[in-house]
Amino acid sequence: MTNETFYVTPTGKKYHYRNCRTLTRSKTVIAISKRDALAKGYEPCGVCKPPR
């Protein structure tokens, strides 16, 4: 598992790459490690397709 940084929103259930188009409408974007994202139950985004 990589220690890459991904991004989530306060109300979302997916993690994203920073340049994901689905994040452009969100006012708050939170950086999170892949390990933390998976531990908190986030799923990979279907648009930007980060690794699981």
PDB file of N, CA and C in Angstrom:
ATOM      1  N   MET A   1       0.851  -1.175   0.000  1.00  0.00           N
ATOM      2  CA  MET A   1       0.000   0.000   0.000  1.00  0.00           C
ATOM      3  C   MET A   1       0.898   1.240   0.000  1.00  0.00           C
ATOM      4  N   THR A   2       0.595   2.164  -0.893  1.00  0.00           N
ATOM      5  CA  THR A   2       1.396   3.384  -0.974  1.00  0.00           C
ATOM      6  C   THR A   2       0.960   4.385   0.091  1.00  0.00           C
ATOM      7  N   ASN A   3       1.814   5.349   0.339  1.00  0.00           N
ATOM      8  CA  ASN A   3       1.502   6.399   1.288  1.00  0.00           C
ATOM      9  C   ASN A   3       1.074   7.661   0.542  1.00  0.00           C
ATOM     10  N   GLU A   4       0.488   7.484  -0.624  1.00  0.00           N
ATOM     11  CA  GLU A   4       0.052   8.593  -1.467  1.00  0.00           C
ATOM     12  C   GLU A   4      -1.085   9.360  -0.795  1.00  0.00           C
ATOM     13  N   THR A   5      -1.180  10.645  -1.095  1.00  0.00           N
ATOM     14  CA  THR A   5      -2.251  11.470  -0.539  1.00  0.00           C
ATOM     15  C   THR A   5      -3.414  11.515  -1.508  1.00  0.00           C
ATOM     16  N   PHE A   6      -4.607  11.336  -0.979  1.00  0.00           N
ATOM     17  CA  PHE A   6      -5.841  11.447  -1.737  1.00  0.00           C
ATOM     18  C   PHE A   6      -6.699  12.504  -1.068  1.00  0.00           C
ATOM     19  N   TYR A   7      -7.889  12.729  -1.602  1.00  0.00           N
ATOM     20  CA  TYR A   7      -8.714  13.821  -1.104  1.00  0.00           C
ATOM     21  C   TYR A   7     -10.152  13.361  -0.956  1.00  0.00           C
ATOM     22  N   VAL A   8     -10.801  13.861   0.096  1.00  0.00           N
ATOM     23  CA  VAL A   8     -12.195  13.545   0.385  1.00  0.00           C
ATOM     24  C   VAL A   8     -12.926  14.848   0.698  1.00  0.00           C
ATOM     25  N   THR A   9     -14.245  14.767   0.711  1.00  0.00           N
ATOM     26  CA  THR A   9     -15.064  15.902   1.138  1.00  0.00           C
ATOM     27  C   THR A   9     -15.750  15.517   2.451  1.00  0.00           C
ATOM     28  N   PRO A  10     -16.199  16.488   3.216  1.00  0.00           N
ATOM     29  CA  PRO A  10     -16.831  16.173   4.505  1.00  0.00           C
ATOM     30  C   PRO A  10     -18.075  15.283   4.391  1.00  0.00           C
ATOM     31  N   THR A  11     -18.790  15.364   3.280  1.00  0.00           N
ATOM     32  CA  THR A  11     -20.024  14.582   3.150  1.00  0.00           C
ATOM     33  C   THR A  11     -19.911  13.425   2.172  1.00  0.00           C
ATOM     34  N   GLY A  12     -18.751  13.291   1.509  1.00  0.00           N
ATOM     35  CA  GLY A  12     -18.592  12.249   0.495  1.00  0.00           C
ATOM     36  C   GLY A  12     -18.252  10.887   1.076  1.00  0.00           C
ATOM     37  N   LYS A  13     -18.315   9.889   0.215  1.00  0.00           N
ATOM     38  CA  LYS A  13     -18.000   8.516   0.609  1.00  0.00           C
ATOM     39  C   LYS A  13     -16.890   7.923  -0.271  1.00  0.00           C
ATOM     40  N   LYS A  14     -16.288   8.780  -1.110  1.00  0.00           N
ATOM     41  CA  LYS A  14     -15.244   8.345  -2.045  1.00  0.00           C
ATOM     42  C   LYS A  14     -13.959   9.118  -1.783  1.00  0.00           C
ATOM     43  N   TYR A  15     -12.812   8.524  -2.173  1.00  0.00           N
ATOM     44  CA  TYR A  15     -11.557   9.264  -2.148  1.00  0.00           C
ATOM     45  C   TYR A  15     -11.116   9.492  -3.589  1.00  0.00           C
ATOM     46  N   HIS A  16     -10.396  10.593  -3.804  1.00  0.00           N
ATOM     47  CA  HIS A  16     -10.111  11.086  -5.147  1.00  0.00           C
ATOM     48  C   HIS A  16      -8.668  11.528  -5.302  1.00  0.00           C
ATOM     49  N   TYR A  17      -8.224  11.601  -6.577  1.00  0.00           N
ATOM     50  CA  TYR A  17      -7.006  12.325  -6.904  1.00  0.00           C
ATOM     51  C   TYR A  17      -7.340  13.810  -6.809  1.00  0.00           C
ATOM     52  N   ARG A  18      -6.351  14.645  -6.543  1.00  0.00           N
ATOM     53  CA  ARG A  18      -6.590  16.079  -6.348  1.00  0.00           C
ATOM     54  C   ARG A  18      -7.244  16.740  -7.548  1.00  0.00           C
ATOM     55  N   ASN A  19      -6.917  16.319  -8.745  1.00  0.00           N
ATOM     56  CA  ASN A  19      -7.454  16.968  -9.938  1.00  0.00           C
ATOM     57  C   ASN A  19      -8.776  16.381 -10.418  1.00  0.00           C
ATOM     58  N   CYS A  20      -9.434  15.576  -9.615  1.00  0.00           N
ATOM     59  CA  CYS A  20     -10.699  14.949 -10.007  1.00  0.00           C
ATOM     60  C   CYS A  20     -11.769  16.020 -10.228  1.00  0.00           C
ATOM     61  N   ARG A  21     -12.465  15.926 -11.342  1.00  0.00           N
ATOM     62  CA  ARG A  21     -13.491  16.918 -11.669  1.00  0.00           C
ATOM     63  C   ARG A  21     -14.646  16.921 -10.674  1.00  0.00           C
ATOM     64  N   THR A  22     -14.875  15.826  -9.971  1.00  0.00           N
ATOM     65  CA  THR A  22     -15.987  15.785  -9.024  1.00  0.00           C
ATOM     66  C   THR A  22     -15.712  16.612  -7.770  1.00  0.00           C
ATOM     67  N   LEU A  23     -14.457  16.979  -7.539  1.00  0.00           N
ATOM     68  CA  LEU A  23     -14.117  17.803  -6.381  1.00  0.00           C
ATOM     69  C   LEU A  23     -14.289  19.290  -6.653  1.00  0.00           C
ATOM     70  N   THR A  24     -14.466  19.693  -7.893  1.00  0.00           N
ATOM     71  CA  THR A  24     -14.503  21.116  -8.229  1.00  0.00           C
ATOM     72  C   THR A  24     -15.704  21.838  -7.623  1.00  0.00           C
ATOM     73  N   ARG A  25     -16.761  21.147  -7.325  1.00  0.00           N
ATOM     74  CA  ARG A  25     -17.949  21.781  -6.743  1.00  0.00           C
ATOM     75  C   ARG A  25     -17.904  21.861  -5.221  1.00  0.00           C
ATOM     76  N   SER A  26     -16.979  21.186  -4.612  1.00  0.00           N
ATOM     77  CA  SER A  26     -16.888  21.156  -3.159  1.00  0.00           C
ATOM     78  C   SER A  26     -16.082  22.345  -2.637  1.00  0.00           C
ATOM     79  N   LYS A  27     -16.596  22.991  -1.604  1.00  0.00           N
ATOM     80  CA  LYS A  27     -15.897  24.113  -0.988  1.00  0.00           C
ATOM     81  C   LYS A  27     -14.803  23.634  -0.046  1.00  0.00           C
ATOM     82  N   THR A  28     -14.961  22.444   0.515  1.00  0.00           N
ATOM     83  CA  THR A  28     -13.992  21.903   1.463  1.00  0.00           C
ATOM     84  C   THR A  28     -13.474  20.562   0.948  1.00  0.00           C
ATOM     85  N   VAL A  29     -12.157  20.496   0.776  1.00  0.00           N
ATOM     86  CA  VAL A  29     -11.498  19.270   0.345  1.00  0.00           C
ATOM     87  C   VAL A  29     -10.441  18.945   1.387  1.00  0.00           C
ATOM     88  N   ILE A  30     -10.435  17.710   1.866  1.00  0.00           N
ATOM     89  CA  ILE A  30      -9.554  17.282   2.947  1.00  0.00           C
ATOM     90  C   ILE A  30      -8.543  16.266   2.427  1.00  0.00           C
ATOM     91  N   ALA A  31      -7.272  16.517   2.691  1.00  0.00           N
ATOM     92  CA  ALA A  31      -6.220  15.562   2.315  1.00  0.00           C
ATOM     93  C   ALA A  31      -6.247  14.392   3.290  1.00  0.00           C
ATOM     94  N   ILE A  32      -6.033  13.189   2.757  1.00  0.00           N
ATOM     95  CA  ILE A  32      -6.080  11.978   3.581  1.00  0.00           C
ATOM     96  C   ILE A  32      -5.158  10.933   2.965  1.00  0.00           C
ATOM     97  N   SER A  33      -4.534  10.141   3.792  1.00  0.00           N
ATOM     98  CA  SER A  33      -3.699   9.061   3.264  1.00  0.00           C
ATOM     99  C   SER A  33      -4.597   7.928   2.785  1.00  0.00           C
ATOM    100  N   LYS A  34      -4.077   7.124   1.912  1.00  0.00           N
ATOM    101  CA  LYS A  34      -4.846   5.986   1.411  1.00  0.00           C
ATOM    102  C   LYS A  34      -5.217   5.056   2.566  1.00  0.00           C
ATOM    103  N   ARG A  35      -4.293   4.815   3.451  1.00  0.00           N
ATOM    104  CA  ARG A  35      -4.544   3.946   4.601  1.00  0.00           C
ATOM    105  C   ARG A  35      -5.720   4.474   5.442  1.00  0.00           C
ATOM    106  N   ASP A  36      -5.717   5.773   5.738  1.00  0.00           N
ATOM    107  CA  ASP A  36      -6.800   6.363   6.528  1.00  0.00           C
ATOM    108  C   ASP A  36      -8.117   6.354   5.769  1.00  0.00           C
ATOM    109  N   ALA A  37      -8.048   6.619   4.477  1.00  0.00           N
ATOM    110  CA  ALA A  37      -9.271   6.616   3.666  1.00  0.00           C
ATOM    111  C   ALA A  37      -9.935   5.241   3.707  1.00  0.00           C
ATOM    112  N   LEU A  38      -9.138   4.198   3.524  1.00  0.00           N
ATOM    113  CA  LEU A  38      -9.695   2.845   3.560  1.00  0.00           C
ATOM    114  C   LEU A  38     -10.174   2.465   4.961  1.00  0.00           C
ATOM    115  N   ALA A  39      -9.436   2.875   5.978  1.00  0.00           N
ATOM    116  CA  ALA A  39      -9.826   2.567   7.361  1.00  0.00           C
ATOM    117  C   ALA A  39     -11.144   3.242   7.730  1.00  0.00           C
ATOM    118  N   LYS A  40     -11.421   4.388   7.129  1.00  0.00           N
ATOM    119  CA  LYS A  40     -12.655   5.129   7.426  1.00  0.00           C
ATOM    120  C   LYS A  40     -13.803   4.736   6.506  1.00  0.00           C
ATOM    121  N   GLY A  41     -13.561   3.765   5.634  1.00  0.00           N
ATOM    122  CA  GLY A  41     -14.630   3.231   4.795  1.00  0.00           C
ATOM    123  C   GLY A  41     -14.850   3.935   3.468  1.00  0.00           C
ATOM    124  N   TYR A  42     -13.931   4.816   3.069  1.00  0.00           N
ATOM    125  CA  TYR A  42     -14.073   5.477   1.780  1.00  0.00           C
ATOM    126  C   TYR A  42     -13.790   4.487   0.659  1.00  0.00           C
ATOM    127  N   GLU A  43     -14.466   4.652  -0.449  1.00  0.00           N
ATOM    128  CA  GLU A  43     -14.282   3.837  -1.642  1.00  0.00           C
ATOM    129  C   GLU A  43     -13.582   4.687  -2.697  1.00  0.00           C
ATOM    130  N   PRO A  44     -12.882   4.074  -3.664  1.00  0.00           N
ATOM    131  CA  PRO A  44     -12.252   4.863  -4.723  1.00  0.00           C
ATOM    132  C   PRO A  44     -13.306   5.484  -5.654  1.00  0.00           C
ATOM    133  N   CYS A  45     -13.022   6.665  -6.121  1.00  0.00           N
ATOM    134  CA  CYS A  45     -13.910   7.383  -7.036  1.00  0.00           C
ATOM    135  C   CYS A  45     -13.995   6.646  -8.370  1.00  0.00           C
ATOM    136  N   GLY A  46     -15.166   6.602  -8.953  1.00  0.00           N
ATOM    137  CA  GLY A  46     -15.351   5.958 -10.248  1.00  0.00           C
ATOM    138  C   GLY A  46     -14.951   6.841 -11.410  1.00  0.00           C
ATOM    139  N   VAL A  47     -14.736   8.128 -11.166  1.00  0.00           N
ATOM    140  CA  VAL A  47     -14.371   9.050 -12.231  1.00  0.00           C
ATOM    141  C   VAL A  47     -12.856   9.120 -12.402  1.00  0.00           C
ATOM    142  N   CYS A  48     -12.131   9.413 -11.338  1.00  0.00           N
ATOM    143  CA  CYS A  48     -10.661   9.551 -11.438  1.00  0.00           C
ATOM    144  C   CYS A  48      -9.941   8.221 -11.203  1.00  0.00           C
ATOM    145  N   LYS A  49     -10.636   7.247 -10.682  1.00  0.00           N
ATOM    146  CA  LYS A  49     -10.156   5.872 -10.515  1.00  0.00           C
ATOM    147  C   LYS A  49      -8.825   5.719  -9.771  1.00  0.00           C
ATOM    148  N   PRO A  50      -8.741   6.220  -8.529  1.00  0.00           N
ATOM    149  CA  PRO A  50      -7.529   5.975  -7.753  1.00  0.00           C
ATOM    150  C   PRO A  50      -7.432   4.485  -7.398  1.00  0.00           C
ATOM    151  N   PRO A  51      -6.239   3.996  -7.095  1.00  0.00           N
ATOM    152  CA  PRO A  51      -6.108   2.575  -6.769  1.00  0.00           C
ATOM    153  C   PRO A  51      -6.793   2.202  -5.462  1.00  0.00           C
ATOM    154  N   ARG A  52      -7.273   0.990  -5.387  1.00  0.00           N
ATOM    155  CA  ARG A  52      -7.923   0.481  -4.173  1.00  0.00           C
ATOM    156  C   ARG A  52      -6.874   0.074  -3.201  1.00  0.00           C
TER     157      ARG A  52
END
